[in-house]
């Protein structure tokens, strides 16, 4: 029988030894950790912090998938998400957020301040205004903190660099929970990856692979700096050749175990006992 949900358990007491244990489970557990949602050719990730703080990064296309996946993780009575992050204003990242705002109460909306050209962004803005949700614009150096746990913004830099190609303005986030580090890269390309190499330590146990596995992302030097144990690709049926053979080969070369939402379903990376 096909297992629709992959659970990758980080045994946190063993992280000092750099040991990661794996296991399968069907159905959502709702545990603290990182969830890479199966939303088709798009991105959506849920970060569940200790204390019940939920942070949703992107929502995929407006195809209803993000709601289905959230319902499989969050308790049926839970209709509140603390923070919704839009990595950048492209429909395969924000389209599903319209449904999220219609179904859930949102504490705050975080974005990079760059609107881009997607006309459907206006529909999301209407939902944000309808809820009177607090809107926060973040850039490199900003942090979202929850006790001893935090999400650091590594990119984009404030100022002129935020006015480049919309993919290159993607919020790059480093989440640290109970010693586990996960790097979320939006749709950045190798050009931004090179700039990140001169910033904070990029080493992460988990990597959300940039731009659905595009050959123009996941450069060799960047992956060597991140050194991920697990690399997750948000991808569905597409005409772009995602994920590319070149990106997959570079991921394998650094020893990353690769997961794809089109084959593995939603990928859960959760804290273990």
Protein backbone atom coordinates (compact mmCIF):
# COMPACT_ATOMS: atom_id res chain seq x y z
CA UNK A 1 0.00 0.00 0.00
CA UNK A 2 1.39 3.43 -0.89
CA UNK A 3 2.27 5.53 2.14
CA UNK A 4 0.93 9.02 1.48
CA UNK A 5 2.98 10.78 4.10
CA UNK A 6 6.66 10.48 4.90
CA UNK A 7 7.86 11.13 8.42
CA UNK A 8 11.55 11.84 8.90
CA UNK A 9 12.23 11.88 12.65
CA UNK A 10 15.08 13.90 14.04
CA UNK A 11 16.14 12.30 17.30
CA UNK A 12 17.32 15.52 18.87
CA UNK A 13 19.43 13.89 21.58
CA UNK A 14 21.58 12.43 18.82
CA UNK A 15 22.01 15.59 16.78
CA UNK A 16 25.35 16.28 18.47
CA UNK A 17 26.54 13.04 16.89
CA UNK A 18 25.03 14.12 13.57
CA UNK A 19 22.82 11.02 13.52
CA UNK A 20 19.42 11.15 11.84
CA UNK A 21 16.87 8.36 12.10
CA UNK A 22 14.08 7.71 9.63
CA UNK A 23 10.63 6.18 9.86
CA UNK A 24 7.31 5.97 8.01
CA UNK A 25 3.85 6.82 9.31
CA UNK A 26 0.47 7.35 7.66
CA UNK A 27 -1.60 10.37 8.60
CA UNK A 28 -0.66 13.65 10.26
CA UNK A 29 0.93 13.68 13.67
CA UNK A 30 0.76 17.38 14.39
CA UNK A 31 4.11 17.23 16.19
CA UNK A 32 6.63 20.02 16.54
CA UNK A 33 8.79 20.23 13.44
CA UNK A 34 8.80 21.02 9.73
CA UNK A 35 6.09 19.97 7.25
CA UNK A 36 6.62 20.23 3.49
CA UNK A 37 3.12 20.13 2.06
CA UNK A 38 2.12 18.29 -1.09
CA UNK A 39 0.48 21.12 -3.06
CA UNK A 40 1.53 20.18 -6.59
CA UNK A 41 3.89 22.37 -8.61
CA UNK A 42 4.36 24.95 -5.89
CA UNK A 43 5.70 25.53 -2.40
CA UNK A 44 4.07 25.38 1.01
CA UNK A 45 5.66 24.56 4.35
CA UNK A 46 4.35 24.54 7.91
CA UNK A 47 6.69 25.16 10.84
CA UNK A 48 5.24 24.01 14.19
CA UNK A 49 7.17 25.48 17.09
CA UNK A 50 7.01 24.32 20.71
CA UNK A 51 4.11 25.90 22.56
CA UNK A 52 1.72 25.43 19.65
CA UNK A 53 3.00 28.30 17.48
CA UNK A 54 2.25 27.62 13.79
CA UNK A 55 4.00 29.42 10.94
CA UNK A 56 2.90 28.73 7.35
CA UNK A 57 5.38 29.58 4.61
CA UNK A 58 3.63 29.95 1.23
CA UNK A 59 0.46 28.20 0.11
CA UNK A 60 1.02 26.79 -3.37
CA UNK A 61 -1.43 27.33 -6.21
CA UNK A 62 -5.14 28.09 -5.63
CA UNK A 63 -6.11 24.42 -6.04
CA UNK A 64 -7.36 23.62 -2.54
CA UNK A 65 -4.36 21.43 -1.76
CA UNK A 66 -2.97 23.55 1.08
CA UNK A 67 -6.26 23.35 3.00
CA UNK A 68 -6.40 19.58 2.58
CA UNK A 69 -2.84 19.22 3.85
CA UNK A 70 -3.32 21.56 6.81
CA UNK A 71 -6.44 19.66 7.85
CA UNK A 72 -4.33 16.50 7.95
CA UNK A 73 -1.86 18.09 10.38
CA UNK A 74 -3.72 20.61 12.55
CA UNK A 75 -6.46 19.50 14.96
CA UNK A 76 -9.94 19.89 13.44
CA UNK A 77 -10.83 22.57 16.02
CA UNK A 78 -7.69 24.63 15.37
CA UNK A 79 -8.58 27.50 13.03
CA UNK A 80 -5.74 29.82 13.99
CA UNK A 81 -2.32 30.22 12.35
CA UNK A 82 0.05 32.56 14.13
CA UNK A 83 2.04 33.76 11.11
CA UNK A 84 1.64 33.36 7.36
CA UNK A 85 4.77 34.09 5.31
CA UNK A 86 4.72 34.79 1.57
CA UNK A 87 8.24 34.15 0.32
CA UNK A 88 7.59 36.14 -2.85
CA UNK A 89 4.66 37.26 -4.96
CA UNK A 90 4.26 34.45 -7.49
CA UNK A 91 1.00 32.53 -7.75
CA UNK A 92 2.54 29.09 -7.15
CA UNK A 93 3.61 30.39 -3.73
CA UNK A 94 0.74 32.66 -2.65
CA UNK A 95 -2.31 31.43 -4.61
CA UNK A 96 -3.43 28.96 -1.95
CA UNK A 97 -3.04 31.55 0.80
CA UNK A 98 -6.34 33.08 -0.29
CA UNK A 99 -8.09 29.89 0.81
CA UNK A 100 -6.04 29.87 4.02
CA UNK A 101 -7.26 33.35 4.95
CA UNK A 102 -10.84 32.35 4.20
CA UNK A 103 -10.64 29.31 6.50
CA UNK A 104 -8.24 30.34 9.27
CA UNK A 105 -7.73 33.36 11.48
CA UNK A 106 -4.22 34.69 10.86
CA UNK A 107 -2.20 36.49 13.51
CA UNK A 108 0.27 38.24 11.19
CA UNK A 109 1.23 38.28 7.51
CA UNK A 110 4.92 38.50 6.64
CA UNK A 111 6.36 39.29 3.21
CA UNK A 112 9.31 40.95 1.47
CA UNK A 113 7.51 44.10 0.33
CA UNK A 114 7.85 43.37 -3.40
CA UNK A 115 4.51 43.03 -5.20
CA UNK A 116 5.64 41.75 -8.57
CA UNK A 117 3.21 41.52 -11.49
CA UNK A 118 0.73 38.79 -10.45
CA UNK A 119 -2.74 40.33 -10.70
CA UNK A 120 -4.25 37.73 -8.37
CA UNK A 121 -2.22 39.21 -5.50
CA UNK A 122 -5.03 41.75 -5.18
CA UNK A 123 -7.38 38.94 -4.10
CA UNK A 124 -5.00 37.98 -1.30
CA UNK A 125 -4.70 41.61 -0.24
CA UNK A 126 -8.49 41.80 0.07
CA UNK A 127 -8.55 38.79 2.39
CA UNK A 128 -5.77 40.28 4.52
CA UNK A 129 -7.70 43.55 4.81
CA UNK A 130 -10.94 41.71 5.58
CA UNK A 131 -9.32 40.10 8.63
CA UNK A 132 -7.43 43.30 9.47
CA UNK A 133 -4.34 41.10 9.80
CA UNK A 134 -1.14 42.78 10.90
CA UNK A 135 1.23 43.04 7.90
CA UNK A 136 4.98 42.92 8.54
CA UNK A 137 7.73 43.51 5.97
CA UNK A 138 10.99 41.69 6.73
CA UNK A 139 14.51 41.72 5.31
CA UNK A 140 17.90 40.18 6.08
CA UNK A 141 18.80 40.52 9.74
CA UNK A 142 15.23 40.33 11.04
CA UNK A 143 14.10 37.47 13.29
CA UNK A 144 10.92 35.75 14.38
CA UNK A 145 11.40 34.46 17.92
CA UNK A 146 9.42 32.03 20.02
CA UNK A 147 11.20 31.52 23.33
CA UNK A 148 14.57 29.96 22.57
CA UNK A 149 13.48 29.04 19.03
CA UNK A 150 13.73 31.40 16.09
CA UNK A 151 13.49 31.96 12.38
CA UNK A 152 16.20 34.21 10.95
CA UNK A 153 15.77 36.12 7.69
CA UNK A 154 18.90 35.76 5.56
CA UNK A 155 17.62 37.40 2.35
CA UNK A 156 16.72 39.77 0.69
CA UNK A 157 18.90 42.65 1.73
CA UNK A 158 17.07 45.91 2.30
CA UNK A 159 17.28 48.57 -0.38
CA UNK A 160 18.09 48.33 -4.07
CA UNK A 161 18.69 44.58 -4.11
CA UNK A 162 15.00 44.04 -3.41
CA UNK A 163 14.03 45.45 -6.80
CA UNK A 164 15.55 42.67 -8.93
CA UNK A 165 13.83 39.68 -10.53
CA UNK A 166 10.92 38.55 -8.34
CA UNK A 167 12.45 35.10 -7.73
CA UNK A 168 15.62 36.72 -6.45
CA UNK A 169 13.65 38.68 -3.83
CA UNK A 170 12.42 35.47 -2.15
CA UNK A 171 12.62 35.50 1.63
CA UNK A 172 15.30 33.01 2.67
CA UNK A 173 14.59 31.75 6.18
CA UNK A 174 16.67 29.71 8.59
CA UNK A 175 14.50 28.03 11.23
CA UNK A 176 16.10 26.65 14.41
CA UNK A 177 13.98 24.47 16.70
CA UNK A 178 15.40 22.37 19.51
CA UNK A 179 18.79 22.23 17.78
CA UNK A 180 17.37 21.27 14.38
CA UNK A 181 18.06 23.70 11.53
CA UNK A 182 15.96 23.98 8.36
CA UNK A 183 16.68 26.36 5.48
CA UNK A 184 13.82 27.64 3.31
CA UNK A 185 15.00 29.14 0.02
CA UNK A 186 11.93 30.18 -2.00
CA UNK A 187 12.86 30.46 -5.68
CA UNK A 188 16.34 31.94 -5.43
CA UNK A 189 18.92 31.09 -8.08
CA UNK A 190 22.67 30.51 -7.88
CA UNK A 191 23.25 34.28 -8.08
CA UNK A 192 21.65 34.82 -4.67
CA UNK A 193 23.16 31.61 -3.32
CA UNK A 194 26.61 33.08 -3.99
CA UNK A 195 25.73 36.19 -1.98
CA UNK A 196 24.46 34.09 0.93
CA UNK A 197 27.85 32.36 1.18
CA UNK A 198 29.36 35.52 2.69
CA UNK A 199 26.67 35.73 5.39
CA UNK A 200 25.76 33.67 8.48
CA UNK A 201 26.51 29.96 8.78
CA UNK A 202 24.23 28.13 6.32
CA UNK A 203 24.70 24.59 7.65
CA UNK A 204 21.26 23.02 8.02
CA UNK A 205 19.98 19.53 8.67
CA UNK A 206 17.11 20.12 6.25
CA UNK A 207 17.00 22.09 3.00
CA UNK A 208 13.88 23.21 1.17
CA UNK A 209 15.36 22.97 -2.33
CA UNK A 210 15.12 26.25 -4.24
CA UNK A 211 12.80 26.76 -7.21
CA UNK A 212 11.38 23.22 -7.31
CA UNK A 213 14.75 21.72 -8.21
CA UNK A 214 15.61 24.07 -11.08
CA UNK A 215 19.01 23.55 -12.68
CA UNK A 216 19.71 27.24 -12.09
CA UNK A 217 19.57 26.77 -8.30
CA UNK A 218 21.22 24.42 -5.78
CA UNK A 219 24.75 25.33 -6.88
CA UNK A 220 27.68 23.16 -5.80
CA UNK A 221 29.30 25.71 -3.46
CA UNK A 222 25.97 26.58 -1.83
CA UNK A 223 25.14 22.94 -1.14
CA UNK A 224 28.64 22.37 0.21
CA UNK A 225 28.00 25.17 2.73
CA UNK A 226 24.53 23.93 3.72
CA UNK A 227 25.51 20.23 3.93
CA UNK A 228 21.90 19.03 4.30
CA UNK A 229 21.05 15.56 5.52
CA UNK A 230 17.62 15.83 3.91
CA UNK A 231 16.62 17.89 0.86
CA UNK A 232 12.92 18.36 0.12
CA UNK A 233 11.63 19.42 -3.30
CA UNK A 234 8.14 20.90 -3.61
CA UNK A 235 7.11 19.82 -7.09
CA UNK A 236 4.22 18.52 -9.16
CA UNK A 237 3.40 17.87 -12.79
CA UNK A 238 5.11 20.59 -14.82
CA UNK A 239 6.57 21.50 -18.20
CA UNK A 240 9.78 23.03 -16.83
CA UNK A 241 11.69 19.83 -16.25
CA UNK A 242 11.56 20.19 -12.46
CA UNK A 243 13.39 18.76 -10.70
CA UNK A 244 16.35 18.88 -13.04
CA UNK A 245 18.90 16.09 -13.29
CA UNK A 246 21.67 18.60 -12.66
CA UNK A 247 20.21 19.76 -9.34
CA UNK A 248 19.49 16.18 -8.25
CA UNK A 249 23.05 15.12 -8.99
CA UNK A 250 24.49 18.04 -7.01
CA UNK A 251 22.26 17.17 -4.05
CA UNK A 252 23.37 13.54 -4.16
CA UNK A 253 27.00 14.63 -4.35
CA UNK A 254 26.79 16.31 -0.92
CA UNK A 255 25.14 13.22 0.58
CA UNK A 256 21.62 14.64 0.91
CA UNK A 257 18.72 12.24 1.05
CA UNK A 258 16.19 13.60 -1.45
CA UNK A 259 12.41 13.75 -0.96
CA UNK A 260 9.90 14.97 -3.52
CA UNK A 261 6.32 15.89 -2.73
CA UNK A 262 5.15 14.54 -6.10
CA UNK A 263 6.41 11.06 -5.16
CA UNK A 264 6.52 11.01 -1.34
CA UNK A 265 3.51 13.20 -0.58
CA UNK A 266 3.76 15.60 2.33
CA UNK A 267 7.13 15.26 4.04
CA UNK A 268 7.17 15.60 7.82
CA UNK A 269 10.40 16.26 9.68
CA UNK A 270 9.44 16.11 13.31
CA UNK A 271 11.13 16.07 16.68
CA UNK A 272 11.35 12.67 18.34
CA UNK A 273 11.40 11.55 21.95
